[in-house]
Amino acid sequence: MSQPRNIVTLLYPGFDLLDATGPAAVFDAARDRDPHADYRLTLCAAQPGPVRSSSGLALLAERGLAPGPARIHTLVVPGCTNLAAAMADEALLDAIRRLARRSERVVSICTGAFLLAAAGLLDGRRATTHWRHAADLARRFPTVRVEPDAIYLQDENVWTSAGVSAGMDLALALVEADHGQALALDTARALVVYLKRPGGQSQFSLPLQAQSSEHATLDRARQAILDRPNLAWSVAQLAERALVSERHLRRLFKQELGMSPRDFIQGTVLERAQRLLADGDATVADIARRCGYLSASSFIRRFQARLGVSPTEYRARFRAHAT
């Protein structure tokens, strides 16, 4: 018989509850669907006992770190809200390093990528995290090749994921890698989630990125597009509305959001298109016109290139009143 796959989740004070329980639910569901899915789930912490999450709820760690599990198949490091405190915890970082050396693969959920990076496990690797923190991850750890739009990424034996629910996407990918697509799909159906979510983080986040910035120029640019989304905005027009030169606008967008004004314009307009597709009955041609496209065909090409699905497929999957 094959050796069981030991899934060890490292708990620490202030961890995000769903980062830990979401992937665990996927592995448990896979085990329920197929007895050959040999997952053994273990919660580990500095000391055995309850560990309080950022929500105030606690999980019970069965094992401590001394000596800790001898052999680990998958180490899961959840994220947290207080990143500064977690990254300053040398004992926690040392525990991640030691456990990683015993692990066949290492996984971070959401901002857990910061802990892997602080422990030196992401040097030279591709990685992702929640879109709101991606630019900060890239600034703090310049040797990490941050890809902010990915739902999850694999670089050799290290896997990283975006926001908390993306941890379940990643866990389903691990089930598929371990036991094949059929079980992963069956598990996704049991949990009523997609096996592979279409598109990247940009489908949820672009205008929010500008809104979260405290820079008034970016807020003016964002609001200008939202006020008149039917215009075919040029960078020159946007710079004029933002009261800065084109050159300054390009530099500001790159510095604050890690993208060009053109990418932001297209992303913001396409997010409006997503809302119209999900929440209304307008035709694709009408939505294209309302989003500033001269033709439905150019809108469809741009939409599919960015999100990986056609407008019609997107509506079928995400329509608010779909049955």
Foldseek 3Di string as FASTA:
>chain_A
DDDAAEEEEEDAAAFAPLLPVLLVLLLVLLCVVPVVSRYDYFYEYQAFAWHAHNVRDTDTHHYHVVVPDQAHAEYEYTHGDCVVVQLVPVVNLVSCVVVCVRYNAYEYEARSVVSCVSSVNQQQHEWEHALLCQLVSCVVRVRHNYDHFAQKDDDRRYIYGYHSNSSNLVSLVVCCVVPNDVSSCVSCVVVVHDNDAWFTNLLPPLLVLLVPDPDQLSVQLSVVCVVQQLAPDDLCNSCVSSVHHSVVQQVVCCNRNVDGPVVSSLSSLVNVLLCCLQEHDDDLQVSCNSRNHPGSVVVQVSNCVRGVDGSVVSSQVRRPPHD
